[in-house]
Amino acid sequence: MSSFRGLAIYAHPPNSNSSPFHLPADKIPVQTLKKADFLCKIDKLLAVDPGTVKGPEILADLPVWDSLAAIGFVALLDDELGITLPSGKMEQCKTVADLVALAGNQVQP
């Protein structure tokens, strides 16, 4: 711990349960996006024109879908919706619609 003008600064909270940054899971706000907005974010991620990606596209057939795009999608889910994917979920996705399904009810029609 160090002090700056009387303010205590901790490198790590002394007790993670008492941290002012800790929220119980039921108190964390759920972020949502409309499906059209989410697809536009995928368009931007893939560097294609807005409206290009609609859902039924097969990922293997998209020339811009590669390992970097997959990592970018994982980051998109985390940054935009606060979703952390369990290991192995991306490998199960065959279409853009499968990717959207990973967001569950956080992507609204």
PDB file of N, CA and C in Angstrom:
ATOM      1  N   MET A   1       0.843  -1.171   0.000  1.00  0.00           N
ATOM      2  CA  MET A   1       0.000   0.000   0.000  1.00  0.00           C
ATOM      3  C   MET A   1       0.884   1.229   0.000  1.00  0.00           C
ATOM      4  N   SER A   2       0.479   2.242  -0.762  1.00  0.00           N
ATOM      5  CA  SER A   2       1.155   3.531  -0.717  1.00  0.00           C
ATOM      6  C   SER A   2       0.092   4.580  -0.474  1.00  0.00           C
ATOM      7  N   SER A   3       0.554   5.785  -0.189  1.00  0.00           N
ATOM      8  CA  SER A   3      -0.396   6.844   0.120  1.00  0.00           C
ATOM      9  C   SER A   3      -0.114   8.046  -0.764  1.00  0.00           C
ATOM     10  N   PHE A   4      -1.178   8.648  -1.253  1.00  0.00           N
ATOM     11  CA  PHE A   4      -1.056   9.843  -2.070  1.00  0.00           C
ATOM     12  C   PHE A   4      -2.031  10.865  -1.511  1.00  0.00           C
ATOM     13  N   ARG A   5      -1.499  11.879  -0.845  1.00  0.00           N
ATOM     14  CA  ARG A   5      -2.315  12.928  -0.211  1.00  0.00           C
ATOM     15  C   ARG A   5      -3.424  12.343   0.653  1.00  0.00           C
ATOM     16  N   GLY A   6      -3.057  11.348   1.443  1.00  0.00           N
ATOM     17  CA  GLY A   6      -4.014  10.787   2.370  1.00  0.00           C
ATOM     18  C   GLY A   6      -4.916   9.718   1.779  1.00  0.00           C
ATOM     19  N   LEU A   7      -4.754   9.421   0.483  1.00  0.00           N
ATOM     20  CA  LEU A   7      -5.569   8.403  -0.173  1.00  0.00           C
ATOM     21  C   LEU A   7      -4.790   7.095  -0.177  1.00  0.00           C
ATOM     22  N   ALA A   8      -5.371   6.060   0.352  1.00  0.00           N
ATOM     23  CA  ALA A   8      -4.712   4.757   0.360  1.00  0.00           C
ATOM     24  C   ALA A   8      -4.872   4.114  -1.012  1.00  0.00           C
ATOM     25  N   ILE A   9      -3.770   3.660  -1.583  1.00  0.00           N
ATOM     26  CA  ILE A   9      -3.773   3.017  -2.890  1.00  0.00           C
ATOM     27  C   ILE A   9      -3.231   1.609  -2.712  1.00  0.00           C
ATOM     28  N   TYR A  10      -4.023   0.616  -3.060  1.00  0.00           N
ATOM     29  CA  TYR A  10      -3.621  -0.779  -2.949  1.00  0.00           C
ATOM     30  C   TYR A  10      -3.288  -1.324  -4.321  1.00  0.00           C
ATOM     31  N   ALA A  11      -2.184  -2.043  -4.414  1.00  0.00           N
ATOM     32  CA  ALA A  11      -1.857  -2.735  -5.660  1.00  0.00           C
ATOM     33  C   ALA A  11      -2.877  -3.837  -5.889  1.00  0.00           C
ATOM     34  N   HIS A  12      -3.277  -4.494  -4.835  1.00  0.00           N
ATOM     35  CA  HIS A  12      -4.310  -5.523  -4.877  1.00  0.00           C
ATOM     36  C   HIS A  12      -5.233  -5.260  -3.704  1.00  0.00           C
ATOM     37  N   PRO A  13      -6.513  -5.391  -3.878  1.00  0.00           N
ATOM     38  CA  PRO A  13      -7.415  -5.185  -2.747  1.00  0.00           C
ATOM     39  C   PRO A  13      -7.046  -6.120  -1.602  1.00  0.00           C
ATOM     40  N   PRO A  14      -7.110  -5.629  -0.368  1.00  0.00           N
ATOM     41  CA  PRO A  14      -6.722  -6.461   0.769  1.00  0.00           C
ATOM     42  C   PRO A  14      -7.596  -7.699   0.910  1.00  0.00           C
ATOM     43  N   ASN A  15      -8.849  -7.597   0.508  1.00  0.00           N
ATOM     44  CA  ASN A  15      -9.768  -8.727   0.571  1.00  0.00           C
ATOM     45  C   ASN A  15     -10.672  -8.602  -0.641  1.00  0.00           C
ATOM     46  N   SER A  16     -10.541  -9.520  -1.596  1.00  0.00           N
ATOM     47  CA  SER A  16     -11.283  -9.379  -2.852  1.00  0.00           C
ATOM     48  C   SER A  16     -12.788  -9.305  -2.635  1.00  0.00           C
ATOM     49  N   ASN A  17     -13.290  -9.888  -1.548  1.00  0.00           N
ATOM     50  CA  ASN A  17     -14.726  -9.816  -1.275  1.00  0.00           C
ATOM     51  C   ASN A  17     -15.162  -8.429  -0.842  1.00  0.00           C
ATOM     52  N   SER A  18     -14.220  -7.631  -0.322  1.00  0.00           N
ATOM     53  CA  SER A  18     -14.583  -6.297   0.132  1.00  0.00           C
ATOM     54  C   SER A  18     -14.189  -5.221  -0.869  1.00  0.00           C
ATOM     55  N   SER A  19     -13.676  -5.631  -2.015  1.00  0.00           N
ATOM     56  CA  SER A  19     -13.247  -4.673  -3.021  1.00  0.00           C
ATOM     57  C   SER A  19     -14.428  -3.843  -3.512  1.00  0.00           C
ATOM     58  N   PRO A  20     -14.236  -2.532  -3.657  1.00  0.00           N
ATOM     59  CA  PRO A  20     -15.316  -1.703  -4.194  1.00  0.00           C
ATOM     60  C   PRO A  20     -15.579  -2.006  -5.664  1.00  0.00           C
ATOM     61  N   PHE A  21     -14.692  -2.757  -6.309  1.00  0.00           N
ATOM     62  CA  PHE A  21     -14.831  -3.088  -7.724  1.00  0.00           C
ATOM     63  C   PHE A  21     -15.525  -4.426  -7.931  1.00  0.00           C
ATOM     64  N   HIS A  22     -15.804  -5.120  -6.860  1.00  0.00           N
ATOM     65  CA  HIS A  22     -16.434  -6.438  -6.951  1.00  0.00           C
ATOM     66  C   HIS A  22     -17.950  -6.275  -6.893  1.00  0.00           C
ATOM     67  N   LEU A  23     -18.618  -6.790  -7.910  1.00  0.00           N
ATOM     68  CA  LEU A  23     -20.079  -6.792  -7.922  1.00  0.00           C
ATOM     69  C   LEU A  23     -20.558  -8.229  -7.959  1.00  0.00           C
ATOM     70  N   PRO A  24     -21.579  -8.542  -7.198  1.00  0.00           N
ATOM     71  CA  PRO A  24     -22.147  -9.890  -7.311  1.00  0.00           C
ATOM     72  C   PRO A  24     -22.670 -10.110  -8.721  1.00  0.00           C
ATOM     73  N   ALA A  25     -22.647 -11.344  -9.187  1.00  0.00           N
ATOM     74  CA  ALA A  25     -23.038 -11.662 -10.561  1.00  0.00           C
ATOM     75  C   ALA A  25     -24.438 -11.157 -10.891  1.00  0.00           C
ATOM     76  N   ASP A  26     -25.354 -11.185  -9.929  1.00  0.00           N
ATOM     77  CA  ASP A  26     -26.717 -10.732 -10.207  1.00  0.00           C
ATOM     78  C   ASP A  26     -26.846  -9.210 -10.259  1.00  0.00           C
ATOM     79  N   LYS A  27     -25.776  -8.489  -9.941  1.00  0.00           N
ATOM     80  CA  LYS A  27     -25.806  -7.022  -9.976  1.00  0.00           C
ATOM     81  C   LYS A  27     -25.054  -6.442 -11.175  1.00  0.00           C
ATOM     82  N   ILE A  28     -24.361  -7.289 -11.940  1.00  0.00           N
ATOM     83  CA  ILE A  28     -23.610  -6.819 -13.103  1.00  0.00           C
ATOM     84  C   ILE A  28     -24.605  -6.530 -14.221  1.00  0.00           C
ATOM     85  N   PRO A  29     -24.592  -5.303 -14.769  1.00  0.00           N
ATOM     86  CA  PRO A  29     -25.555  -4.977 -15.830  1.00  0.00           C
ATOM     87  C   PRO A  29     -25.284  -5.801 -17.086  1.00  0.00           C
ATOM     88  N   VAL A  30     -26.351  -6.283 -17.706  1.00  0.00           N
ATOM     89  CA  VAL A  30     -26.241  -7.071 -18.928  1.00  0.00           C
ATOM     90  C   VAL A  30     -26.304  -6.111 -20.115  1.00  0.00           C
ATOM     91  N   GLN A  31     -25.326  -6.195 -20.977  1.00  0.00           N
ATOM     92  CA  GLN A  31     -25.292  -5.361 -22.173  1.00  0.00           C
ATOM     93  C   GLN A  31     -25.975  -6.121 -23.298  1.00  0.00           C
ATOM     94  N   THR A  32     -26.715  -5.400 -24.132  1.00  0.00           N
ATOM     95  CA  THR A  32     -27.363  -6.023 -25.276  1.00  0.00           C
ATOM     96  C   THR A  32     -27.136  -5.179 -26.520  1.00  0.00           C
ATOM     97  N   LEU A  33     -27.282  -5.814 -27.665  1.00  0.00           N
ATOM     98  CA  LEU A  33     -27.203  -5.150 -28.962  1.00  0.00           C
ATOM     99  C   LEU A  33     -28.318  -5.695 -29.842  1.00  0.00           C
ATOM    100  N   LYS A  34     -28.795  -4.883 -30.732  1.00  0.00           N
ATOM    101  CA  LYS A  34     -29.723  -5.360 -31.756  1.00  0.00           C
ATOM    102  C   LYS A  34     -28.916  -6.223 -32.732  1.00  0.00           C
ATOM    103  N   LYS A  35     -29.562  -7.235 -33.307  1.00  0.00           N
ATOM    104  CA  LYS A  35     -28.870  -8.148 -34.215  1.00  0.00           C
ATOM    105  C   LYS A  35     -28.237  -7.398 -35.382  1.00  0.00           C
ATOM    106  N   ALA A  36     -28.949  -6.425 -35.949  1.00  0.00           N
ATOM    107  CA  ALA A  36     -28.407  -5.666 -37.084  1.00  0.00           C
ATOM    108  C   ALA A  36     -27.136  -4.923 -36.681  1.00  0.00           C
ATOM    109  N   ASP A  37     -27.118  -4.356 -35.476  1.00  0.00           N
ATOM    110  CA  ASP A  37     -25.923  -3.651 -35.001  1.00  0.00           C
ATOM    111  C   ASP A  37     -24.771  -4.620 -34.758  1.00  0.00           C
ATOM    112  N   PHE A  38     -25.096  -5.799 -34.230  1.00  0.00           N
ATOM    113  CA  PHE A  38     -24.071  -6.806 -33.982  1.00  0.00           C
ATOM    114  C   PHE A  38     -23.465  -7.286 -35.298  1.00  0.00           C
ATOM    115  N   LEU A  39     -24.324  -7.515 -36.301  1.00  0.00           N
ATOM    116  CA  LEU A  39     -23.816  -7.928 -37.618  1.00  0.00           C
ATOM    117  C   LEU A  39     -22.958  -6.831 -38.234  1.00  0.00           C
ATOM    118  N   CYS A  40     -23.306  -5.562 -38.023  1.00  0.00           N
ATOM    119  CA  CYS A  40     -22.473  -4.457 -38.522  1.00  0.00           C
ATOM    120  C   CYS A  40     -21.103  -4.462 -37.855  1.00  0.00           C
ATOM    121  N   LYS A  41     -21.070  -4.819 -36.575  1.00  0.00           N
ATOM    122  CA  LYS A  41     -19.780  -4.905 -35.884  1.00  0.00           C
ATOM    123  C   LYS A  41     -18.950  -6.057 -36.450  1.00  0.00           C
ATOM    124  N   ILE A  42     -19.611  -7.141 -36.838  1.00  0.00           N
ATOM    125  CA  ILE A  42     -18.894  -8.249 -37.480  1.00  0.00           C
ATOM    126  C   ILE A  42     -18.388  -7.799 -38.850  1.00  0.00           C
ATOM    127  N   ASP A  43     -19.214  -7.048 -39.606  1.00  0.00           N
ATOM    128  CA  ASP A  43     -18.764  -6.485 -40.887  1.00  0.00           C
ATOM    129  C   ASP A  43     -17.491  -5.669 -40.689  1.00  0.00           C
ATOM    130  N   LYS A  44     -17.512  -4.808 -39.681  1.00  0.00           N
ATOM    131  CA  LYS A  44     -16.356  -3.949 -39.413  1.00  0.00           C
ATOM    132  C   LYS A  44     -15.134  -4.783 -39.029  1.00  0.00           C
ATOM    133  N   LEU A  45     -15.358  -5.788 -38.201  1.00  0.00           N
ATOM    134  CA  LEU A  45     -14.272  -6.688 -37.798  1.00  0.00           C
ATOM    135  C   LEU A  45     -13.631  -7.353 -39.014  1.00  0.00           C
ATOM    136  N   LEU A  46     -14.474  -7.766 -39.957  1.00  0.00           N
ATOM    137  CA  LEU A  46     -13.989  -8.461 -41.151  1.00  0.00           C
ATOM    138  C   LEU A  46     -13.540  -7.513 -42.257  1.00  0.00           C
ATOM    139  N   ALA A  47     -13.709  -6.205 -42.011  1.00  0.00           N
ATOM    140  CA  ALA A  47     -13.324  -5.179 -42.988  1.00  0.00           C
ATOM    141  C   ALA A  47     -14.057  -5.356 -44.316  1.00  0.00           C
ATOM    142  N   VAL A  48     -15.367  -5.601 -44.208  1.00  0.00           N
ATOM    143  CA  VAL A  48     -16.215  -5.695 -45.395  1.00  0.00           C
ATOM    144  C   VAL A  48     -17.257  -4.585 -45.315  1.00  0.00           C
ATOM    145  N   ASP A  49     -17.913  -4.320 -46.424  1.00  0.00           N
ATOM    146  CA  ASP A  49     -18.923  -3.266 -46.458  1.00  0.00           C
ATOM    147  C   ASP A  49     -20.056  -3.570 -45.479  1.00  0.00           C
ATOM    148  N   PRO A  50     -20.595  -2.507 -44.832  1.00  0.00           N
ATOM    149  CA  PRO A  50     -21.732  -2.713 -43.933  1.00  0.00           C
ATOM    150  C   PRO A  50     -22.887  -3.395 -44.671  1.00  0.00           C
ATOM    151  N   GLY A  51     -23.508  -4.347 -44.018  1.00  0.00           N
ATOM    152  CA  GLY A  51     -24.618  -5.076 -44.616  1.00  0.00           C
ATOM    153  C   GLY A  51     -24.201  -6.320 -45.379  1.00  0.00           C
ATOM    154  N   THR A  52     -22.904  -6.586 -45.442  1.00  0.00           N
ATOM    155  CA  THR A  52     -22.406  -7.754 -46.168  1.00  0.00           C
ATOM    156  C   THR A  52     -22.782  -9.046 -45.446  1.00  0.00           C
ATOM    157  N   VAL A  53     -22.529  -9.079 -44.152  1.00  0.00           N
ATOM    158  CA  VAL A  53     -22.783 -10.278 -43.360  1.00  0.00           C
ATOM    159  C   VAL A  53     -24.238 -10.258 -42.902  1.00  0.00           C
ATOM    160  N   LYS A  54     -24.938 -11.347 -43.181  1.00  0.00           N
ATOM    161  CA  LYS A  54     -26.363 -11.412 -42.837  1.00  0.00           C
ATOM    162  C   LYS A  54     -26.687 -12.549 -41.863  1.00  0.00           C
ATOM    163  N   GLY A  55     -25.855 -13.579 -41.795  1.00  0.00           N
ATOM    164  CA  GLY A  55     -26.076 -14.673 -40.856  1.00  0.00           C
ATOM    165  C   GLY A  55     -25.857 -16.062 -41.416  1.00  0.00           C
ATOM    166  N   PRO A  56     -26.419 -16.373 -42.589  1.00  0.00           N
ATOM    167  CA  PRO A  56     -26.289 -17.758 -43.062  1.00  0.00           C
ATOM    168  C   PRO A  56     -24.922 -18.086 -43.688  1.00  0.00           C
ATOM    169  N   GLU A  57     -24.054 -17.110 -43.823  1.00  0.00           N
ATOM    170  CA  GLU A  57     -22.763 -17.354 -44.472  1.00  0.00           C
ATOM    171  C   GLU A  57     -21.965 -18.435 -43.723  1.00  0.00           C
ATOM    172  N   ILE A  58     -21.336 -19.303 -44.491  1.00  0.00           N
ATOM    173  CA  ILE A  58     -20.473 -20.342 -43.925  1.00  0.00           C
ATOM    174  C   ILE A  58     -19.098 -19.726 -43.705  1.00  0.00           C
ATOM    175  N   LEU A  59     -18.613 -19.824 -42.480  1.00  0.00           N
ATOM    176  CA  LEU A  59     -17.354 -19.176 -42.123  1.00  0.00           C
ATOM    177  C   LEU A  59     -16.198 -19.630 -43.009  1.00  0.00           C
ATOM    178  N   ALA A  60     -16.113 -20.916 -43.296  1.00  0.00           N
ATOM    179  CA  ALA A  60     -15.020 -21.451 -44.115  1.00  0.00           C
ATOM    180  C   ALA A  60     -15.036 -20.879 -45.530  1.00  0.00           C
ATOM    181  N   ASP A  61     -16.201 -20.398 -45.987  1.00  0.00           N
ATOM    182  CA  ASP A  61     -16.311 -19.834 -47.330  1.00  0.00           C
ATOM    183  C   ASP A  61     -15.991 -18.337 -47.374  1.00  0.00           C
ATOM    184  N   LEU A  62     -15.851 -17.716 -46.215  1.00  0.00           N
ATOM    185  CA  LEU A  62     -15.519 -16.286 -46.172  1.00  0.00           C
ATOM    186  C   LEU A  62     -14.003 -16.126 -46.259  1.00  0.00           C
ATOM    187  N   PRO A  63     -13.501 -15.475 -47.307  1.00  0.00           N
ATOM    188  CA  PRO A  63     -12.049 -15.345 -47.445  1.00  0.00           C
ATOM    189  C   PRO A  63     -11.406 -14.541 -46.310  1.00  0.00           C
ATOM    190  N   VAL A  64     -12.203 -13.721 -45.637  1.00  0.00           N
ATOM    191  CA  VAL A  64     -11.650 -12.891 -44.563  1.00  0.00           C
ATOM    192  C   VAL A  64     -11.759 -13.550 -43.190  1.00  0.00           C
ATOM    193  N   TRP A  65     -12.373 -14.743 -43.114  1.00  0.00           N
ATOM    194  CA  TRP A  65     -12.464 -15.438 -41.828  1.00  0.00           C
ATOM    195  C   TRP A  65     -11.218 -16.277 -41.632  1.00  0.00           C
ATOM    196  N   ASP A  66     -10.404 -15.876 -40.670  1.00  0.00           N
ATOM    197  CA  ASP A  66      -9.171 -16.590 -40.358  1.00  0.00           C
ATOM    198  C   ASP A  66      -8.963 -16.546 -38.850  1.00  0.00           C
ATOM    199  N   SER A  67      -7.806 -16.982 -38.402  1.00  0.00           N
ATOM    200  CA  SER A  67      -7.556 -17.045 -36.958  1.00  0.00           C
ATOM    201  C   SER A  67      -7.576 -15.655 -36.320  1.00  0.00           C
ATOM    202  N   LEU A  68      -7.105 -14.647 -37.038  1.00  0.00           N
ATOM    203  CA  LEU A  68      -7.139 -13.285 -36.485  1.00  0.00           C
ATOM    204  C   LEU A  68      -8.569 -12.775 -36.374  1.00  0.00           C
ATOM    205  N   ALA A  69      -9.401 -13.099 -37.355  1.00  0.00           N
ATOM    206  CA  ALA A  69     -10.809 -12.709 -37.282  1.00  0.00           C
ATOM    207  C   ALA A  69     -11.487 -13.419 -36.107  1.00  0.00           C
ATOM    208  N   ALA A  70     -11.145 -14.668 -35.879  1.00  0.00           N
ATOM    209  CA  ALA A  70     -11.725 -15.416 -34.758  1.00  0.00           C
ATOM    210  C   ALA A  70     -11.338 -14.774 -33.431  1.00  0.00           C
ATOM    211  N   ILE A  71     -10.074 -14.404 -33.297  1.00  0.00           N
ATOM    212  CA  ILE A  71      -9.622 -13.726 -32.073  1.00  0.00           C
ATOM    213  C   ILE A  71     -10.325 -12.381 -31.934  1.00  0.00           C
ATOM    214  N   GLY A  72     -10.475 -11.672 -33.039  1.00  0.00           N
ATOM    215  CA  GLY A  72     -11.184 -10.404 -33.018  1.00  0.00           C
ATOM    216  C   GLY A  72     -12.626 -10.569 -32.588  1.00  0.00           C
ATOM    217  N   PHE A  73     -13.267 -11.656 -33.012  1.00  0.00           N
ATOM    218  CA  PHE A  73     -14.651 -11.909 -32.624  1.00  0.00           C
ATOM    219  C   PHE A  73     -14.743 -12.183 -31.127  1.00  0.00           C
ATOM    220  N   VAL A  74     -13.809 -12.940 -30.595  1.00  0.00           N
ATOM    221  CA  VAL A  74     -13.785 -13.206 -29.152  1.00  0.00           C
ATOM    222  C   VAL A  74     -13.658 -11.879 -28.395  1.00  0.00           C
ATOM    223  N   ALA A  75     -12.784 -11.001 -28.883  1.00  0.00           N
ATOM    224  CA  ALA A  75     -12.616  -9.681 -28.258  1.00  0.00           C
ATOM    225  C   ALA A  75     -13.890  -8.846 -28.401  1.00  0.00           C
ATOM    226  N   LEU A  76     -14.551  -8.933 -29.543  1.00  0.00           N
ATOM    227  CA  LEU A  76     -15.810  -8.214 -29.764  1.00  0.00           C
ATOM    228  C   LEU A  76     -16.860  -8.637 -28.734  1.00  0.00           C
ATOM    229  N   LEU A  77     -17.009  -9.937 -28.526  1.00  0.00           N
ATOM    230  CA  LEU A  77     -17.960 -10.416 -27.530  1.00  0.00           C
ATOM    231  C   LEU A  77     -17.625  -9.884 -26.142  1.00  0.00           C
ATOM    232  N   ASP A  78     -16.354  -9.908 -25.813  1.00  0.00           N
ATOM    233  CA  ASP A  78     -15.920  -9.454 -24.491  1.00  0.00           C
ATOM    234  C   ASP A  78     -16.125  -7.941 -24.340  1.00  0.00           C
ATOM    235  N   ASP A  79     -15.657  -7.173 -25.308  1.00  0.00           N
ATOM    236  CA  ASP A  79     -15.721  -5.708 -25.216  1.00  0.00           C
ATOM    237  C   ASP A  79     -17.142  -5.167 -25.290  1.00  0.00           C
ATOM    238  N   GLU A  80     -17.937  -5.689 -26.208  1.00  0.00           N
ATOM    239  CA  GLU A  80     -19.271  -5.139 -26.450  1.00  0.00           C
ATOM    240  C   GLU A  80     -20.347  -5.716 -25.532  1.00  0.00           C
ATOM    241  N   LEU A  81     -20.195  -6.994 -25.170  1.00  0.00           N
ATOM    242  CA  LEU A  81     -21.266  -7.645 -24.419  1.00  0.00           C
ATOM    243  C   LEU A  81     -20.819  -8.217 -23.077  1.00  0.00           C
ATOM    244  N   GLY A  82     -19.521  -8.157 -22.802  1.00  0.00           N
ATOM    245  CA  GLY A  82     -19.026  -8.693 -21.536  1.00  0.00           C
ATOM    246  C   GLY A  82     -19.070 -10.209 -21.463  1.00  0.00           C
ATOM    247  N   ILE A  83     -19.039 -10.857 -22.628  1.00  0.00           N
ATOM    248  CA  ILE A  83     -19.118 -12.320 -22.682  1.00  0.00           C
ATOM    249  C   ILE A  83     -17.720 -12.902 -22.843  1.00  0.00           C
ATOM    250  N   THR A  84     -17.382 -13.823 -21.961  1.00  0.00           N
ATOM    251  CA  THR A  84     -16.134 -14.575 -22.078  1.00  0.00           C
ATOM    252  C   THR A  84     -16.502 -15.978 -22.535  1.00  0.00           C
ATOM    253  N   LEU A  85     -15.979 -16.350 -23.687  1.00  0.00           N
ATOM    254  CA  LEU A  85     -16.316 -17.666 -24.247  1.00  0.00           C
ATOM    255  C   LEU A  85     -15.559 -18.786 -23.552  1.00  0.00           C
ATOM    256  N   PRO A  86     -16.260 -19.872 -23.252  1.00  0.00           N
ATOM    257  CA  PRO A  86     -15.568 -21.056 -22.749  1.00  0.00           C
ATOM    258  C   PRO A  86     -14.692 -21.652 -23.862  1.00  0.00           C
ATOM    259  N   SER A  87     -13.643 -22.293 -23.469  1.00  0.00           N
ATOM    260  CA  SER A  87     -12.735 -22.913 -24.429  1.00  0.00           C
ATOM    261  C   SER A  87     -13.493 -23.906 -25.308  1.00  0.00           C
ATOM    262  N   GLY A  88     -13.209 -23.856 -26.610  1.00  0.00           N
ATOM    263  CA  GLY A  88     -13.794 -24.812 -27.541  1.00  0.00           C
ATOM    264  C   GLY A  88     -15.082 -24.370 -28.205  1.00  0.00           C
ATOM    265  N   LYS A  89     -15.693 -23.289 -27.744  1.00  0.00           N
ATOM    266  CA  LYS A  89     -16.970 -22.856 -28.329  1.00  0.00           C
ATOM    267  C   LYS A  89     -16.814 -22.362 -29.764  1.00  0.00           C
ATOM    268  N   MET A  90     -15.736 -21.654 -30.063  1.00  0.00           N
ATOM    269  CA  MET A  90     -15.534 -21.114 -31.414  1.00  0.00           C
ATOM    270  C   MET A  90     -15.398 -22.232 -32.444  1.00  0.00           C
ATOM    271  N   GLU A  91     -14.746 -23.318 -32.079  1.00  0.00           N
ATOM    272  CA  GLU A  91     -14.516 -24.410 -33.013  1.00  0.00           C
ATOM    273  C   GLU A  91     -15.823 -25.059 -33.468  1.00  0.00           C
ATOM    274  N   GLN A  92     -16.882 -24.913 -32.681  1.00  0.00           N
ATOM    275  CA  GLN A  92     -18.172 -25.501 -33.020  1.00  0.00           C
ATOM    276  C   GLN A  92     -18.947 -24.664 -34.036  1.00  0.00           C
ATOM    277  N   CYS A  93     -18.542 -23.412 -34.225  1.00  0.00           N
ATOM    278  CA  CYS A  93     -19.272 -22.505 -35.117  1.00  0.00           C
ATOM    279  C   CYS A  93     -18.935 -22.776 -36.579  1.00  0.00           C
ATOM    280  N   LYS A  94     -19.973 -22.942 -37.377  1.00  0.00           N
ATOM    281  CA  LYS A  94     -19.806 -23.177 -38.811  1.00  0.00           C
ATOM    282  C   LYS A  94     -20.302 -21.996 -39.647  1.00  0.00           C
ATOM    283  N   THR A  95     -21.238 -21.205 -39.095  1.00  0.00           N
ATOM    284  CA  THR A  95     -21.819 -20.083 -39.830  1.00  0.00           C
ATOM    285  C   THR A  95     -21.760 -18.810 -38.991  1.00  0.00           C
ATOM    286  N   VAL A  96     -22.034 -17.697 -39.649  1.00  0.00           N
ATOM    287  CA  VAL A  96     -22.122 -16.430 -38.923  1.00  0.00           C
ATOM    288  C   VAL A  96     -23.259 -16.503 -37.908  1.00  0.00           C
ATOM    289  N   ALA A  97     -24.355 -17.155 -38.264  1.00  0.00           N
ATOM    290  CA  ALA A  97     -25.476 -17.316 -37.325  1.00  0.00           C
ATOM    291  C   ALA A  97     -25.032 -18.062 -36.062  1.00  0.00           C
ATOM    292  N   ASP A  98     -24.125 -19.023 -36.213  1.00  0.00           N
ATOM    293  CA  ASP A  98     -23.584 -19.728 -35.052  1.00  0.00           C
ATOM    294  C   ASP A  98     -22.818 -18.765 -34.156  1.00  0.00           C
ATOM    295  N   LEU A  99     -22.077 -17.841 -34.768  1.00  0.00           N
ATOM    296  CA  LEU A  99     -21.358 -16.830 -33.994  1.00  0.00           C
ATOM    297  C   LEU A  99     -22.325 -15.953 -33.222  1.00  0.00           C
ATOM    298  N   VAL A 100     -23.385 -15.530 -33.895  1.00  0.00           N
ATOM    299  CA  VAL A 100     -24.390 -14.683 -33.241  1.00  0.00           C
ATOM    300  C   VAL A 100     -25.022 -15.444 -32.074  1.00  0.00           C
ATOM    301  N   ALA A 101     -25.247 -16.727 -32.248  1.00  0.00           N
ATOM    302  CA  ALA A 101     -25.861 -17.544 -31.204  1.00  0.00           C
ATOM    303  C   ALA A 101     -24.990 -17.601 -29.941  1.00  0.00           C
ATOM    304  N   LEU A 102     -23.686 -17.432 -30.093  1.00  0.00           N
ATOM    305  CA  LEU A 102     -22.801 -17.435 -28.938  1.00  0.00           C
ATOM    306  C   LEU A 102     -23.123 -16.297 -27.973  1.00  0.00           C
ATOM    307  N   ALA A 103     -23.719 -15.236 -28.501  1.00  0.00           N
ATOM    308  CA  ALA A 103     -24.083 -14.081 -27.663  1.00  0.00           C
ATOM    309  C   ALA A 103     -25.392 -14.313 -26.919  1.00  0.00           C
ATOM    310  N   GLY A 104     -26.087 -15.386 -27.256  1.00  0.00           N
ATOM    311  CA  GLY A 104     -27.321 -15.719 -26.558  1.00  0.00           C
ATOM    312  C   GLY A 104     -28.350 -14.610 -26.661  1.00  0.00           C
ATOM    313  N   ASN A 105     -29.054 -14.366 -25.563  1.00  0.00           N
ATOM    314  CA  ASN A 105     -30.112 -13.363 -25.574  1.00  0.00           C
ATOM    315  C   ASN A 105     -29.585 -11.932 -25.457  1.00  0.00           C
ATOM    316  N   GLN A 106     -28.274 -11.779 -25.466  1.00  0.00           N
ATOM    317  CA  GLN A 106     -27.705 -10.427 -25.428  1.00  0.00           C
ATOM    318  C   GLN A 106     -27.723  -9.765 -26.805  1.00  0.00           C
ATOM    319  N   VAL A 107     -28.014 -10.552 -27.844  1.00  0.00           N
ATOM    320  CA  VAL A 107     -28.259  -9.997 -29.176  1.00  0.00           C
ATOM    321  C   VAL A 107     -29.750 -10.156 -29.426  1.00  0.00           C
ATOM    322  N   GLN A 108     -30.419  -9.020 -29.538  1.00  0.00           N
ATOM    323  CA  GLN A 108     -31.879  -8.978 -29.692  1.00  0.00           C
ATOM    324  C   GLN A 108     -32.247  -8.873 -31.164  1.00  0.00           C
ATOM    325  N   PRO A 109     -33.416  -9.417 -31.544  1.00  0.00           N
ATOM    326  CA  PRO A 109     -33.853  -9.316 -32.956  1.00  0.00           C
ATOM    327  C   PRO A 109     -34.007  -7.882 -33.418  1.00  0.00           C
TER     328      PRO A 109
END
